[in-house]
Amino acid sequence: MAAIVQTTKPGTLESIKQWPEITRNYIADLQLEMKRVTWPTRAQVQATTAIVIITVFAFAAYFKIVDEIIVNSVGKLYSTLAK
């Protein structure tokens, strides 16, 4: 005999019926939260962007120097040990 398989869990229909209300609440909360956000001014965004770009170039220069030092050191070590 074939067993009857239940395809929905108990309470599934109730949760589907509550979905529109949950969605409306979420959107209302989202709108309220977005009103509370303090957005930066254009000048603040430009200043922090400049700082980020300068910092990226500074780190790139630092890592380039460190890389050159390591490459030269390993090269000298290798040439010394290879003789």
PDB file of N, CA and C in Angstrom:
ATOM      1  N   MET A   1       0.828  -1.174   0.000  1.00  0.00           N
ATOM      2  CA  MET A   1       0.000   0.000   0.000  1.00  0.00           C
ATOM      3  C   MET A   1       0.877   1.243   0.000  1.00  0.00           C
ATOM      4  N   ALA A   2       0.437   2.205  -0.749  1.00  0.00           N
ATOM      5  CA  ALA A   2       1.167   3.465  -0.815  1.00  0.00           C
ATOM      6  C   ALA A   2       0.737   4.360   0.338  1.00  0.00           C
ATOM      7  N   ALA A   3       1.715   4.988   0.940  1.00  0.00           N
ATOM      8  CA  ALA A   3       1.430   5.890   2.052  1.00  0.00           C
ATOM      9  C   ALA A   3       1.127   7.274   1.509  1.00  0.00           C
ATOM     10  N   ILE A   4       0.262   7.960   2.197  1.00  0.00           N
ATOM     11  CA  ILE A   4      -0.075   9.335   1.809  1.00  0.00           C
ATOM     12  C   ILE A   4       1.030  10.239   2.337  1.00  0.00           C
ATOM     13  N   VAL A   5       1.592  11.027   1.444  1.00  0.00           N
ATOM     14  CA  VAL A   5       2.682  11.917   1.812  1.00  0.00           C
ATOM     15  C   VAL A   5       2.120  13.315   1.966  1.00  0.00           C
ATOM     16  N   GLN A   6       2.378  13.893   3.117  1.00  0.00           N
ATOM     17  CA  GLN A   6       1.918  15.257   3.366  1.00  0.00           C
ATOM     18  C   GLN A   6       2.945  16.220   2.773  1.00  0.00           C
ATOM     19  N   THR A   7       2.514  17.093   1.876  1.00  0.00           N
ATOM     20  CA  THR A   7       3.443  17.981   1.171  1.00  0.00           C
ATOM     21  C   THR A   7       3.641  19.316   1.866  1.00  0.00           C
ATOM     22  N   THR A   8       2.773  19.678   2.768  1.00  0.00           N
ATOM     23  CA  THR A   8       2.932  20.948   3.477  1.00  0.00           C
ATOM     24  C   THR A   8       3.021  20.681   4.961  1.00  0.00           C
ATOM     25  N   LYS A   9       3.843  21.466   5.621  1.00  0.00           N
ATOM     26  CA  LYS A   9       3.967  21.353   7.066  1.00  0.00           C
ATOM     27  C   LYS A   9       2.772  22.059   7.706  1.00  0.00           C
ATOM     28  N   PRO A  10       2.419  21.655   8.887  1.00  0.00           N
ATOM     29  CA  PRO A  10       1.342  22.374   9.569  1.00  0.00           C
ATOM     30  C   PRO A  10       1.754  23.832   9.786  1.00  0.00           C
ATOM     31  N   GLY A  11       0.863  24.719   9.487  1.00  0.00           N
ATOM     32  CA  GLY A  11       1.139  26.129   9.675  1.00  0.00           C
ATOM     33  C   GLY A  11       1.694  26.810   8.442  1.00  0.00           C
ATOM     34  N   THR A  12       1.951  26.066   7.380  1.00  0.00           N
ATOM     35  CA  THR A  12       2.516  26.666   6.170  1.00  0.00           C
ATOM     36  C   THR A  12       1.541  27.639   5.539  1.00  0.00           C
ATOM     37  N   LEU A  13       0.279  27.260   5.471  1.00  0.00           N
ATOM     38  CA  LEU A  13      -0.715  28.155   4.883  1.00  0.00           C
ATOM     39  C   LEU A  13      -0.863  29.439   5.695  1.00  0.00           C
ATOM     40  N   GLU A  14      -0.768  29.310   7.013  1.00  0.00           N
ATOM     41  CA  GLU A  14      -0.866  30.502   7.858  1.00  0.00           C
ATOM     42  C   GLU A  14       0.319  31.418   7.625  1.00  0.00           C
ATOM     43  N   SER A  15       1.512  30.846   7.460  1.00  0.00           N
ATOM     44  CA  SER A  15       2.684  31.689   7.239  1.00  0.00           C
ATOM     45  C   SER A  15       2.617  32.342   5.865  1.00  0.00           C
ATOM     46  N   ILE A  16       2.034  31.674   4.883  1.00  0.00           N
ATOM     47  CA  ILE A  16       1.869  32.275   3.554  1.00  0.00           C
ATOM     48  C   ILE A  16       0.870  33.417   3.623  1.00  0.00           C
ATOM     49  N   LYS A  17      -0.179  33.250   4.412  1.00  0.00           N
ATOM     50  CA  LYS A  17      -1.173  34.311   4.561  1.00  0.00           C
ATOM     51  C   LYS A  17      -0.598  35.531   5.284  1.00  0.00           C
ATOM     52  N   GLN A  18       0.386  35.323   6.156  1.00  0.00           N
ATOM     53  CA  GLN A  18       0.989  36.427   6.904  1.00  0.00           C
ATOM     54  C   GLN A  18       2.071  37.153   6.102  1.00  0.00           C
ATOM     55  N   TRP A  19       2.487  36.592   4.989  1.00  0.00           N
ATOM     56  CA  TRP A  19       3.583  37.168   4.212  1.00  0.00           C
ATOM     57  C   TRP A  19       3.343  38.615   3.793  1.00  0.00           C
ATOM     58  N   PRO A  20       2.181  38.981   3.270  1.00  0.00           N
ATOM     59  CA  PRO A  20       1.984  40.398   2.895  1.00  0.00           C
ATOM     60  C   PRO A  20       2.117  41.355   4.079  1.00  0.00           C
ATOM     61  N   GLU A  21       1.592  40.957   5.236  1.00  0.00           N
ATOM     62  CA  GLU A  21       1.683  41.807   6.425  1.00  0.00           C
ATOM     63  C   GLU A  21       3.140  41.932   6.887  1.00  0.00           C
ATOM     64  N   ILE A  22       3.871  40.843   6.860  1.00  0.00           N
ATOM     65  CA  ILE A  22       5.284  40.864   7.244  1.00  0.00           C
ATOM     66  C   ILE A  22       6.069  41.752   6.290  1.00  0.00           C
ATOM     67  N   THR A  23       5.759  41.665   5.008  1.00  0.00           N
ATOM     68  CA  THR A  23       6.446  42.486   4.010  1.00  0.00           C
ATOM     69  C   THR A  23       6.144  43.962   4.217  1.00  0.00           C
ATOM     70  N   ARG A  24       4.889  44.305   4.477  1.00  0.00           N
ATOM     71  CA  ARG A  24       4.525  45.703   4.732  1.00  0.00           C
ATOM     72  C   ARG A  24       5.258  46.232   5.971  1.00  0.00           C
ATOM     73  N   ASN A  25       5.315  45.432   7.024  1.00  0.00           N
ATOM     74  CA  ASN A  25       6.019  45.853   8.242  1.00  0.00           C
ATOM     75  C   ASN A  25       7.505  46.075   7.968  1.00  0.00           C
ATOM     76  N   TYR A  26       8.093  45.187   7.193  1.00  0.00           N
ATOM     77  CA  TYR A  26       9.508  45.307   6.867  1.00  0.00           C
ATOM     78  C   TYR A  26       9.768  46.604   6.093  1.00  0.00           C
ATOM     79  N   ILE A  27       8.956  46.884   5.103  1.00  0.00           N
ATOM     80  CA  ILE A  27       9.140  48.093   4.289  1.00  0.00           C
ATOM     81  C   ILE A  27       8.932  49.343   5.137  1.00  0.00           C
ATOM     82  N   ALA A  28       7.943  49.337   6.022  1.00  0.00           N
ATOM     83  CA  ALA A  28       7.709  50.488   6.901  1.00  0.00           C
ATOM     84  C   ALA A  28       8.900  50.704   7.834  1.00  0.00           C
ATOM     85  N   ASP A  29       9.435  49.628   8.394  1.00  0.00           N
ATOM     86  CA  ASP A  29      10.611  49.735   9.264  1.00  0.00           C
ATOM     87  C   ASP A  29      11.821  50.230   8.484  1.00  0.00           C
ATOM     88  N   LEU A  30      11.958  49.754   7.267  1.00  0.00           N
ATOM     89  CA  LEU A  30      13.074  50.169   6.422  1.00  0.00           C
ATOM     90  C   LEU A  30      12.996  51.656   6.116  1.00  0.00           C
ATOM     91  N   GLN A  31      11.810  52.146   5.779  1.00  0.00           N
ATOM     92  CA  GLN A  31      11.633  53.569   5.495  1.00  0.00           C
ATOM     93  C   GLN A  31      11.931  54.414   6.736  1.00  0.00           C
ATOM     94  N   LEU A  32      11.470  53.970   7.893  1.00  0.00           N
ATOM     95  CA  LEU A  32      11.727  54.695   9.131  1.00  0.00           C
ATOM     96  C   LEU A  32      13.226  54.752   9.423  1.00  0.00           C
ATOM     97  N   GLU A  33      13.902  53.636   9.236  1.00  0.00           N
ATOM     98  CA  GLU A  33      15.340  53.590   9.499  1.00  0.00           C
ATOM     99  C   GLU A  33      16.115  54.478   8.526  1.00  0.00           C
ATOM    100  N   MET A  34      15.704  54.521   7.270  1.00  0.00           N
ATOM    101  CA  MET A  34      16.385  55.356   6.288  1.00  0.00           C
ATOM    102  C   MET A  34      16.212  56.841   6.598  1.00  0.00           C
ATOM    103  N   LYS A  35      15.115  57.211   7.241  1.00  0.00           N
ATOM    104  CA  LYS A  35      14.918  58.605   7.643  1.00  0.00           C
ATOM    105  C   LYS A  35      15.861  58.992   8.772  1.00  0.00           C
ATOM    106  N   ARG A  36      16.302  58.020   9.556  1.00  0.00           N
ATOM    107  CA  ARG A  36      17.194  58.274  10.683  1.00  0.00           C
ATOM    108  C   ARG A  36      18.659  58.385  10.267  1.00  0.00           C
ATOM    109  N   VAL A  37      18.984  57.965   9.076  1.00  0.00           N
ATOM    110  CA  VAL A  37      20.370  57.952   8.610  1.00  0.00           C
ATOM    111  C   VAL A  37      20.869  59.381   8.419  1.00  0.00           C
ATOM    112  N   THR A  38      22.076  59.634   8.893  1.00  0.00           N
ATOM    113  CA  THR A  38      22.729  60.910   8.655  1.00  0.00           C
ATOM    114  C   THR A  38      23.671  60.727   7.470  1.00  0.00           C
ATOM    115  N   TRP A  39      23.318  61.334   6.346  1.00  0.00           N
ATOM    116  CA  TRP A  39      24.103  61.178   5.139  1.00  0.00           C
ATOM    117  C   TRP A  39      25.242  62.185   5.128  1.00  0.00           C
ATOM    118  N   PRO A  40      26.433  61.781   4.650  1.00  0.00           N
ATOM    119  CA  PRO A  40      27.555  62.727   4.601  1.00  0.00           C
ATOM    120  C   PRO A  40      27.357  63.760   3.496  1.00  0.00           C
ATOM    121  N   THR A  41      27.992  64.895   3.694  1.00  0.00           N
ATOM    122  CA  THR A  41      27.924  65.937   2.668  1.00  0.00           C
ATOM    123  C   THR A  41      28.888  65.585   1.532  1.00  0.00           C
ATOM    124  N   ARG A  42      28.753  66.302   0.431  1.00  0.00           N
ATOM    125  CA  ARG A  42      29.633  66.062  -0.714  1.00  0.00           C
ATOM    126  C   ARG A  42      31.097  66.319  -0.337  1.00  0.00           C
ATOM    127  N   ALA A  43      31.328  67.367   0.454  1.00  0.00           N
ATOM    128  CA  ALA A  43      32.695  67.706   0.870  1.00  0.00           C
ATOM    129  C   ALA A  43      33.291  66.587   1.731  1.00  0.00           C
ATOM    130  N   GLN A  44      32.486  66.019   2.616  1.00  0.00           N
ATOM    131  CA  GLN A  44      32.971  64.920   3.452  1.00  0.00           C
ATOM    132  C   GLN A  44      33.324  63.697   2.605  1.00  0.00           C
ATOM    133  N   VAL A  45      32.500  63.397   1.628  1.00  0.00           N
ATOM    134  CA  VAL A  45      32.766  62.247   0.759  1.00  0.00           C
ATOM    135  C   VAL A  45      34.037  62.474  -0.042  1.00  0.00           C
ATOM    136  N   GLN A  46      34.220  63.680  -0.573  1.00  0.00           N
ATOM    137  CA  GLN A  46      35.421  63.978  -1.345  1.00  0.00           C
ATOM    138  C   GLN A  46      36.672  63.900  -0.468  1.00  0.00           C
ATOM    139  N   ALA A  47      36.586  64.398   0.756  1.00  0.00           N
ATOM    140  CA  ALA A  47      37.735  64.372   1.659  1.00  0.00           C
ATOM    141  C   ALA A  47      38.116  62.942   2.022  1.00  0.00           C
ATOM    142  N   THR A  48      37.142  62.130   2.372  1.00  0.00           N
ATOM    143  CA  THR A  48      37.468  60.751   2.747  1.00  0.00           C
ATOM    144  C   THR A  48      37.936  59.944   1.538  1.00  0.00           C
ATOM    145  N   THR A  49      37.414  60.252   0.354  1.00  0.00           N
ATOM    146  CA  THR A  49      37.879  59.574  -0.854  1.00  0.00           C
ATOM    147  C   THR A  49      39.330  59.920  -1.129  1.00  0.00           C
ATOM    148  N   ALA A  50      39.688  61.172  -0.961  1.00  0.00           N
ATOM    149  CA  ALA A  50      41.077  61.595  -1.164  1.00  0.00           C
ATOM    150  C   ALA A  50      42.003  60.889  -0.175  1.00  0.00           C
ATOM    151  N   ILE A  51      41.571  60.794   1.072  1.00  0.00           N
ATOM    152  CA  ILE A  51      42.382  60.116   2.090  1.00  0.00           C
ATOM    153  C   ILE A  51      42.580  58.648   1.722  1.00  0.00           C
ATOM    154  N   VAL A  52      41.547  57.999   1.258  1.00  0.00           N
ATOM    155  CA  VAL A  52      41.651  56.589   0.874  1.00  0.00           C
ATOM    156  C   VAL A  52      42.617  56.420  -0.288  1.00  0.00           C
ATOM    157  N   ILE A  53      42.504  57.274  -1.298  1.00  0.00           N
ATOM    158  CA  ILE A  53      43.389  57.164  -2.462  1.00  0.00           C
ATOM    159  C   ILE A  53      44.843  57.399  -2.060  1.00  0.00           C
ATOM    160  N   ILE A  54      45.106  58.414  -1.246  1.00  0.00           N
ATOM    161  CA  ILE A  54      46.469  58.689  -0.777  1.00  0.00           C
ATOM    162  C   ILE A  54      47.003  57.512   0.029  1.00  0.00           C
ATOM    163  N   THR A  55      46.171  56.952   0.897  1.00  0.00           N
ATOM    164  CA  THR A  55      46.591  55.812   1.716  1.00  0.00           C
ATOM    165  C   THR A  55      46.909  54.599   0.851  1.00  0.00           C
ATOM    166  N   VAL A  56      46.118  54.356  -0.171  1.00  0.00           N
ATOM    167  CA  VAL A  56      46.372  53.222  -1.064  1.00  0.00           C
ATOM    168  C   VAL A  56      47.715  53.385  -1.759  1.00  0.00           C
ATOM    169  N   PHE A  57      48.005  54.585  -2.261  1.00  0.00           N
ATOM    170  CA  PHE A  57      49.294  54.814  -2.912  1.00  0.00           C
ATOM    171  C   PHE A  57      50.452  54.697  -1.923  1.00  0.00           C
ATOM    172  N   ALA A  58      50.263  55.164  -0.688  1.00  0.00           N
ATOM    173  CA  ALA A  58      51.310  55.051   0.328  1.00  0.00           C
ATOM    174  C   ALA A  58      51.609  53.585   0.639  1.00  0.00           C
ATOM    175  N   PHE A  59      50.561  52.778   0.803  1.00  0.00           N
ATOM    176  CA  PHE A  59      50.782  51.354   1.064  1.00  0.00           C
ATOM    177  C   PHE A  59      51.419  50.662  -0.135  1.00  0.00           C
ATOM    178  N   ALA A  60      51.014  51.059  -1.341  1.00  0.00           N
ATOM    179  CA  ALA A  60      51.616  50.466  -2.537  1.00  0.00           C
ATOM    180  C   ALA A  60      53.109  50.768  -2.590  1.00  0.00           C
ATOM    181  N   ALA A  61      53.496  52.003  -2.292  1.00  0.00           N
ATOM    182  CA  ALA A  61      54.914  52.362  -2.272  1.00  0.00           C
ATOM    183  C   ALA A  61      55.658  51.583  -1.196  1.00  0.00           C
ATOM    184  N   TYR A  62      55.050  51.482  -0.017  1.00  0.00           N
ATOM    185  CA  TYR A  62      55.674  50.735   1.081  1.00  0.00           C
ATOM    186  C   TYR A  62      55.894  49.276   0.691  1.00  0.00           C
ATOM    187  N   PHE A  63      54.873  48.630   0.141  1.00  0.00           N
ATOM    188  CA  PHE A  63      55.009  47.221  -0.233  1.00  0.00           C
ATOM    189  C   PHE A  63      55.974  47.035  -1.397  1.00  0.00           C
ATOM    190  N   LYS A  64      56.068  48.005  -2.282  1.00  0.00           N
ATOM    191  CA  LYS A  64      57.048  47.936  -3.378  1.00  0.00           C
ATOM    192  C   LYS A  64      58.465  47.958  -2.810  1.00  0.00           C
ATOM    193  N   ILE A  65      58.709  48.843  -1.850  1.00  0.00           N
ATOM    194  CA  ILE A  65      60.034  48.930  -1.213  1.00  0.00           C
ATOM    195  C   ILE A  65      60.355  47.639  -0.476  1.00  0.00           C
ATOM    196  N   VAL A  66      59.422  47.154   0.315  1.00  0.00           N
ATOM    197  CA  VAL A  66      59.636  45.911   1.059  1.00  0.00           C
ATOM    198  C   VAL A  66      59.873  44.749   0.099  1.00  0.00           C
ATOM    199  N   ASP A  67      59.110  44.699  -0.990  1.00  0.00           N
ATOM    200  CA  ASP A  67      59.271  43.638  -1.978  1.00  0.00           C
ATOM    201  C   ASP A  67      60.661  43.687  -2.602  1.00  0.00           C
ATOM    202  N   GLU A  68      61.125  44.876  -2.959  1.00  0.00           N
ATOM    203  CA  GLU A  68      62.461  45.003  -3.546  1.00  0.00           C
ATOM    204  C   GLU A  68      63.536  44.552  -2.565  1.00  0.00           C
ATOM    205  N   ILE A  69      63.395  44.912  -1.308  1.00  0.00           N
ATOM    206  CA  ILE A  69      64.367  44.498  -0.286  1.00  0.00           C
ATOM    207  C   ILE A  69      64.381  42.979  -0.165  1.00  0.00           C
ATOM    208  N   ILE A  70      63.218  42.357  -0.111  1.00  0.00           N
ATOM    209  CA  ILE A  70      63.150  40.898   0.029  1.00  0.00           C
ATOM    210  C   ILE A  70      63.706  40.211  -1.211  1.00  0.00           C
ATOM    211  N   VAL A  71      63.354  40.698  -2.396  1.00  0.00           N
ATOM    212  CA  VAL A  71      63.854  40.090  -3.638  1.00  0.00           C
ATOM    213  C   VAL A  71      65.371  40.188  -3.713  1.00  0.00           C
ATOM    214  N   ASN A  72      65.918  41.354  -3.392  1.00  0.00           N
ATOM    215  CA  ASN A  72      67.371  41.518  -3.422  1.00  0.00           C
ATOM    216  C   ASN A  72      68.055  40.635  -2.383  1.00  0.00           C
ATOM    217  N   SER A  73      67.472  40.544  -1.182  1.00  0.00           N
ATOM    218  CA  SER A  73      68.066  39.719  -0.129  1.00  0.00           C
ATOM    219  C   SER A  73      68.058  38.245  -0.511  1.00  0.00           C
ATOM    220  N   VAL A  74      66.936  37.777  -1.018  1.00  0.00           N
ATOM    221  CA  VAL A  74      66.841  36.369  -1.411  1.00  0.00           C
ATOM    222  C   VAL A  74      67.767  36.092  -2.596  1.00  0.00           C
ATOM    223  N   GLY A  75      67.854  37.022  -3.526  1.00  0.00           N
ATOM    224  CA  GLY A  75      68.756  36.860  -4.670  1.00  0.00           C
ATOM    225  C   GLY A  75      70.210  36.770  -4.240  1.00  0.00           C
ATOM    226  N   LYS A  76      70.616  37.648  -3.327  1.00  0.00           N
ATOM    227  CA  LYS A  76      71.993  37.598  -2.813  1.00  0.00           C
ATOM    228  C   LYS A  76      72.243  36.309  -2.046  1.00  0.00           C
ATOM    229  N   LEU A  77      71.283  35.884  -1.237  1.00  0.00           N
ATOM    230  CA  LEU A  77      71.414  34.650  -0.478  1.00  0.00           C
ATOM    231  C   LEU A  77      71.535  33.459  -1.419  1.00  0.00           C
ATOM    232  N   TYR A  78      70.709  33.446  -2.441  1.00  0.00           N
ATOM    233  CA  TYR A  78      70.741  32.343  -3.407  1.00  0.00           C
ATOM    234  C   TYR A  78      72.069  32.299  -4.157  1.00  0.00           C
ATOM    235  N   SER A  79      72.555  33.477  -4.597  1.00  0.00           N
ATOM    236  CA  SER A  79      73.818  33.503  -5.326  1.00  0.00           C
ATOM    237  C   SER A  79      74.987  33.122  -4.426  1.00  0.00           C
ATOM    238  N   THR A  80      74.912  33.472  -3.145  1.00  0.00           N
ATOM    239  CA  THR A  80      75.970  33.090  -2.207  1.00  0.00           C
ATOM    240  C   THR A  80      75.955  31.583  -1.953  1.00  0.00           C
ATOM    241  N   LEU A  81      74.790  31.013  -1.781  1.00  0.00           N
ATOM    242  CA  LEU A  81      74.705  29.576  -1.504  1.00  0.00           C
ATOM    243  C   LEU A  81      74.929  28.724  -2.742  1.00  0.00           C
ATOM    244  N   ALA A  82      74.711  29.263  -3.912  1.00  0.00           N
ATOM    245  CA  ALA A  82      74.860  28.503  -5.162  1.00  0.00           C
ATOM    246  C   ALA A  82      76.323  28.366  -5.566  1.00  0.00           C
ATOM    247  N   LYS A  83      77.207  29.183  -5.025  1.00  0.00           N
ATOM    248  CA  LYS A  83      78.628  29.125  -5.400  1.00  0.00           C
ATOM    249  C   LYS A  83      79.337  27.964  -4.785  1.00  0.00           C
TER     250      LYS A  83
END
